[in-house]
Each structure stands twice: as structure tokens, then as C-alpha cells.
Amino acid sequence: MTKLSVVIACYNEKSSIETILRRVRSAPIGCEIEIIVVDDFSTDGTRELLTGPLKNMTDLLILQEFNIGKGAAIREGFQSATGDIILIQDADLEYDPLEYPKLLQPILEDKADVVYGSRFLSVGPRRVLYFWHRVGNSFLTLFSNICTNLDLTDMETCYKVFTRDVASRFKIEEKRFGMEPEITAKISRMDVRVYEVGISYYGRTYSEGKKIGWKDGFRALYCIVKYNFYK
């Protein structure tokens, strides 16, 4: 039976961590699932929940000794994953595990090696939030496409799914959100089949806990250049 490893990077998500773990565990995928949570030194009580009341809801819990960043946390999770397919899931509630079947389908049908979940292809609900975030995302995706010659609509999406073979062929170097263009640059140089599927998006505001900021946008530009032309 196919085994899916879901890698969740978590930092200060006390209000959502139990809900997302329940949703991942009950995702309608019809295969074995392994949940790996990497807590990036949460200080709001998330870590205490994960090591206490929620300890039986994960298959592997990795506790970072310092707050390093999402990229570093996902790297740790990838190194421990044992599944045939590896999926990145955020610990907030912006992305819905009910959509795992459509993300997995191209790989299970042996049509794809990598699948991106696009927030801009979906006919499902998408929360209306920040105009300039959309502009920034579109610009970064366009610039990444120019450099990689991939035709993506949402390079910055959380939902990225890989066969185990593909995931084992690259190592995430970026510590924070620069991992998104880094991964995209690295898979663009592989002889792999990349698909996109539309997903719903339940975004949140900064007051609700959103963490990515304008500095991460500039870092993404740097990473696009760095990993496409200097690596």
C-alpha cells in the first residue's frame, strides 16, 4: 500500500494545531499516512500541547532547540519521512487536507512526480485578503518561471507534493520562506513531471497569525537568482 508522509512545520500555532492534526489524520486518501510535526521552538504553548494532550496524534514529533525557520523545519521532516509520497502542510488552517486526493491523484496515476497546489487555479473558495500580496506573489512566480522555464501559477504555495525519489534528490538549504523558490529551482533542473492542481485557500490576516512579510519577498528574489544561476 502507498504511504503518504505529511510534514508539518509548526511555530506558535496553539489555536490551530489540534484542528489541523485532526484534519490531516482524517483526510480521505485511502492509503497509510505518516504525520511528522517539526516544532520550531514555539513559545505560546504549542510545544506543550504536542508533547502532552496531542502526543498520540503525531507519528513523529521533532522539537527544534532554537527558532530557525520553516525551511529548516521542513528539511528535518524530509530527512525523517518514510513514505512513498511526501507532502508539505502548514500548521495553520489556510490549506485544507480534504484536498489531498486531488493533490495525490496525478502521482498515484503515474502522471506526475511533483504536484503544486495552486491557489489561483481553483474554482473553490479563496478568502479575499491583501492586494499587494497577490501582486508580489504573481511577480515572484513570473520571475521564477522566467528563470526555470516552468509555467507555474503559484510558486509560493505551501502545498508541494513529491515522490520519495524526487524528494531524496535535493536538500533544502534555506532556513525560512526562501525554500519555496529554492525547491522550484532545484526541481526545474531534474527530469521530472510537474503538475499543478487548483486548491481552495482560507488565508488569514497578520492579526490572526500570518507570518510571512515583505522582507521574505526580497529574500525570495535573491533565492530565485541564487539557486537558478549560482547553484
Protein backbone atom coordinates (compact mmCIF):
# COMPACT_ATOMS: atom_id res chain seq x y z
CA MET A 1 0.00 0.00 0.00
CA THR A 2 1.17 3.52 -0.79
CA LYS A 3 2.31 5.50 2.23
CA LEU A 4 1.97 9.29 2.48
CA SER A 5 4.26 11.32 4.76
CA VAL A 6 2.81 14.69 5.74
CA VAL A 7 5.47 17.09 7.03
CA ILE A 8 4.14 19.94 9.17
CA ALA A 9 6.39 22.82 10.23
CA CYS A 10 4.89 24.44 13.31
CA TYR A 11 5.68 27.70 15.11
CA ASN A 12 3.32 29.28 17.66
CA GLU A 13 0.12 27.66 16.36
CA LYS A 14 -1.56 26.85 19.68
CA SER A 15 -5.01 27.81 18.42
CA SER A 16 -4.90 25.64 15.29
CA ILE A 17 -2.52 22.73 15.85
CA GLU A 18 -5.11 20.28 17.21
CA THR A 19 -7.59 21.07 14.43
CA ILE A 20 -5.04 20.67 11.65
CA LEU A 21 -3.77 17.37 13.07
CA ARG A 22 -7.32 16.01 13.21
CA ARG A 23 -7.99 17.14 9.65
CA VAL A 24 -4.78 15.58 8.35
CA ARG A 25 -5.45 12.31 10.17
CA SER A 26 -8.96 12.10 8.72
CA ALA A 27 -8.04 13.13 5.17
CA PRO A 28 -9.88 10.86 2.68
CA ILE A 29 -6.86 9.44 0.89
CA GLY A 30 -7.29 5.67 1.15
CA CYS A 31 -3.66 4.96 1.99
CA GLU A 32 -1.39 4.81 5.01
CA ILE A 33 -0.47 8.21 6.43
CA GLU A 34 2.53 9.30 8.50
CA ILE A 35 2.30 12.65 10.28
CA ILE A 36 5.60 14.34 11.09
CA VAL A 37 5.46 17.58 13.05
CA VAL A 38 8.54 19.75 13.46
CA ASP A 39 8.03 22.33 16.19
CA ASP A 40 10.30 25.29 15.51
CA PHE A 41 10.72 26.25 19.18
CA SER A 42 7.17 27.51 19.80
CA THR A 43 6.75 29.72 22.86
CA ASP A 44 2.97 30.11 23.01
CA GLY A 45 2.11 26.69 24.48
CA THR A 46 2.06 24.77 21.17
CA ARG A 47 5.01 22.64 22.21
CA GLU A 48 3.36 21.73 25.49
CA LEU A 49 0.24 20.60 23.61
CA LEU A 50 2.29 18.49 21.21
CA THR A 51 4.24 16.78 23.99
CA GLY A 52 1.15 16.44 26.21
CA PRO A 53 -2.50 16.09 25.16
CA LEU A 54 -1.69 15.77 21.42
CA LYS A 55 1.31 13.44 21.67
CA ASN A 56 -0.63 10.48 20.23
CA MET A 57 -1.80 12.45 17.19
CA THR A 58 1.62 12.52 15.52
CA ASP A 59 3.77 9.65 14.31
CA LEU A 60 6.96 11.63 14.81
CA LEU A 61 7.49 14.86 16.72
CA ILE A 62 10.74 16.75 16.21
CA LEU A 63 11.49 19.57 18.65
CA GLN A 64 13.90 22.19 17.36
CA GLU A 65 16.23 23.59 20.00
CA PHE A 66 16.03 27.09 18.53
CA ASN A 67 13.64 29.01 16.29
CA ILE A 68 15.33 28.55 12.92
CA GLY A 69 12.58 28.87 10.30
CA LYS A 70 10.17 26.95 8.09
CA GLY A 71 12.79 25.80 5.60
CA ALA A 72 14.97 24.29 8.30
CA ALA A 73 11.96 22.60 9.88
CA ILE A 74 10.78 21.09 6.59
CA ARG A 75 14.31 19.86 5.91
CA GLU A 76 14.29 18.00 9.22
CA GLY A 77 10.92 16.49 8.41
CA PHE A 78 12.01 15.35 4.95
CA GLN A 79 15.03 13.59 6.39
CA SER A 80 12.80 11.56 8.71
CA ALA A 81 9.95 10.81 6.28
CA THR A 82 9.46 7.18 5.31
CA GLY A 83 6.54 7.50 2.90
CA ASP A 84 6.41 6.81 -0.84
CA ILE A 85 4.99 10.34 -1.27
CA ILE A 86 5.88 13.40 0.80
CA LEU A 87 3.53 16.39 1.21
CA ILE A 88 4.18 19.75 2.88
CA GLN A 89 1.36 21.01 5.12
CA ASP A 90 1.27 24.27 7.09
CA ALA A 91 0.17 24.12 10.72
CA ASP A 92 -2.37 26.91 10.32
CA LEU A 93 -5.79 26.40 8.72
CA GLU A 94 -5.12 28.18 5.41
CA TYR A 95 -4.87 24.92 3.46
CA ASP A 96 -7.43 22.12 3.70
CA PRO A 97 -6.34 18.45 3.93
CA LEU A 98 -9.66 17.46 2.36
CA GLU A 99 -7.95 18.34 -0.91
CA TYR A 100 -5.24 15.69 -0.55
CA PRO A 101 -6.97 13.37 -3.06
CA LYS A 102 -6.67 15.87 -5.90
CA LEU A 103 -3.05 16.63 -4.95
CA LEU A 104 -2.13 12.94 -4.90
CA GLN A 105 -4.07 11.84 -7.96
CA PRO A 106 -1.50 12.82 -10.64
CA ILE A 107 1.23 10.94 -8.74
CA LEU A 108 -0.90 7.89 -7.97
CA GLU A 109 -1.87 7.71 -11.65
CA ASP A 110 1.84 7.87 -12.57
CA LYS A 111 1.39 11.11 -14.49
CA ALA A 112 3.46 13.33 -12.19
CA ASP A 113 6.50 13.24 -9.93
CA VAL A 114 5.81 16.64 -8.35
CA VAL A 115 2.46 18.39 -7.74
CA TYR A 116 1.90 22.02 -6.73
CA GLY A 117 -1.44 23.12 -5.30
CA SER A 118 -2.32 26.44 -6.91
CA ARG A 119 -4.48 28.95 -5.06
CA PHE A 120 -5.10 30.76 -8.35
CA LEU A 121 -6.38 27.86 -10.48
CA SER A 122 -9.13 26.82 -8.11
CA VAL A 123 -12.86 27.09 -8.61
CA GLY A 124 -13.24 26.55 -4.87
CA PRO A 125 -13.40 29.24 -2.17
CA ARG A 126 -10.48 31.62 -1.75
CA ARG A 127 -10.51 34.21 1.00
CA VAL A 128 -10.03 37.75 -0.28
CA LEU A 129 -7.15 39.42 1.53
CA TYR A 130 -4.18 41.59 0.57
CA PHE A 131 -3.93 43.01 -2.95
CA TRP A 132 -0.20 43.69 -2.70
CA HIS A 133 0.45 40.14 -1.51
CA ARG A 134 -1.22 38.90 -4.70
CA VAL A 135 0.89 41.30 -6.79
CA GLY A 136 4.06 40.19 -5.02
CA ASN A 137 3.20 36.52 -5.41
CA SER A 138 2.45 36.96 -9.11
CA PHE A 139 5.71 38.83 -9.68
CA LEU A 140 7.79 36.24 -7.82
CA THR A 141 6.10 33.39 -9.68
CA LEU A 142 6.66 35.15 -13.03
CA PHE A 143 10.33 35.85 -12.26
CA SER A 144 10.80 32.26 -11.10
CA ASN A 145 9.15 30.97 -14.29
CA ILE A 146 11.45 33.12 -16.43
CA CYS A 147 14.46 31.59 -14.70
CA THR A 148 13.24 27.98 -14.53
CA ASN A 149 11.17 27.80 -17.74
CA LEU A 150 8.34 26.26 -15.72
CA ASP A 151 4.80 27.52 -16.30
CA LEU A 152 3.57 27.71 -12.71
CA THR A 153 0.77 29.94 -11.44
CA ASP A 154 1.64 29.75 -7.72
CA MET A 155 5.30 29.10 -6.96
CA GLU A 156 4.88 30.25 -3.33
CA THR A 157 2.14 27.77 -2.44
CA CYS A 158 2.52 25.68 0.70
CA TYR A 159 1.12 22.56 -0.95
CA LYS A 160 4.01 20.86 -2.68
CA VAL A 161 3.96 17.07 -3.11
CA PHE A 162 6.88 14.88 -4.18
CA THR A 163 7.56 11.24 -4.85
CA ARG A 164 10.14 9.90 -2.43
CA ASP A 165 12.66 9.61 -5.27
CA VAL A 166 12.39 13.31 -6.15
CA ALA A 167 12.46 14.44 -2.50
CA SER A 168 15.66 12.46 -1.93
CA ARG A 169 17.42 14.24 -4.80
CA PHE A 170 17.51 17.72 -3.30
CA LYS A 171 18.30 19.21 0.09
CA ILE A 172 16.64 22.35 1.39
CA GLU A 173 19.27 24.93 2.29
CA GLU A 174 17.11 27.97 3.03
CA LYS A 175 16.07 28.38 6.65
CA ARG A 176 12.93 30.45 6.09
CA PHE A 177 10.43 31.03 3.28
CA GLY A 178 13.19 31.17 0.66
CA MET A 179 12.71 27.41 0.49
CA GLU A 180 9.82 27.89 -1.97
CA PRO A 181 11.85 29.35 -4.88
CA GLU A 182 14.81 27.16 -3.89
CA ILE A 183 12.81 23.94 -4.26
CA THR A 184 11.28 25.17 -7.51
CA ALA A 185 14.70 25.99 -8.97
CA LYS A 186 16.08 22.60 -7.97
CA ILE A 187 13.25 20.51 -9.39
CA SER A 188 13.34 22.53 -12.62
CA ARG A 189 16.79 21.05 -13.32
CA MET A 190 15.57 17.49 -12.83
CA ASP A 191 13.97 15.34 -15.48
CA VAL A 192 10.65 15.17 -13.61
CA ARG A 193 6.99 15.68 -14.45
CA VAL A 194 5.48 18.70 -12.65
CA TYR A 195 1.72 19.23 -12.35
CA GLU A 196 -0.48 21.89 -10.79
CA VAL A 197 -3.97 21.40 -9.37
CA GLY A 198 -6.35 24.06 -8.11
CA ILE A 199 -6.91 24.25 -4.36
CA SER A 200 -9.06 26.31 -2.02
CA TYR A 201 -7.40 28.89 0.20
CA TYR A 202 -8.54 30.07 3.61
CA GLY A 203 -5.93 32.77 4.22
CA ARG A 204 -5.51 34.65 7.45
CA THR A 205 -4.54 38.20 8.39
CA TYR A 206 -1.49 39.27 10.37
CA SER A 207 -3.65 39.74 13.45
CA GLU A 208 -4.75 36.12 13.01
CA GLY A 209 -1.15 34.90 12.92
CA LYS A 210 0.16 35.28 9.37
CA LYS A 211 3.96 35.33 9.50
CA ILE A 212 5.39 35.98 6.03
CA GLY A 213 6.40 39.61 5.40
CA TRP A 214 7.93 41.96 2.84
CA LYS A 215 11.48 41.00 3.85
CA ASP A 216 10.69 37.44 2.81
CA GLY A 217 9.72 38.76 -0.62
CA PHE A 218 13.16 40.28 -1.12
CA ARG A 219 14.77 37.07 0.11
CA ALA A 220 12.70 35.14 -2.42
CA LEU A 221 14.06 37.32 -5.24
CA TYR A 222 17.59 36.64 -4.02
CA CYS A 223 16.88 32.90 -3.84
CA ILE A 224 15.47 32.80 -7.37
CA VAL A 225 18.72 34.24 -8.69
CA LYS A 226 20.94 32.25 -6.36
CA TYR A 227 19.50 28.78 -6.96
CA ASN A 228 18.93 29.20 -10.68
CA PHE A 229 22.26 30.74 -11.66
CA TYR A 230 24.79 30.10 -8.89
CA LYS A 231 23.97 26.58 -7.69
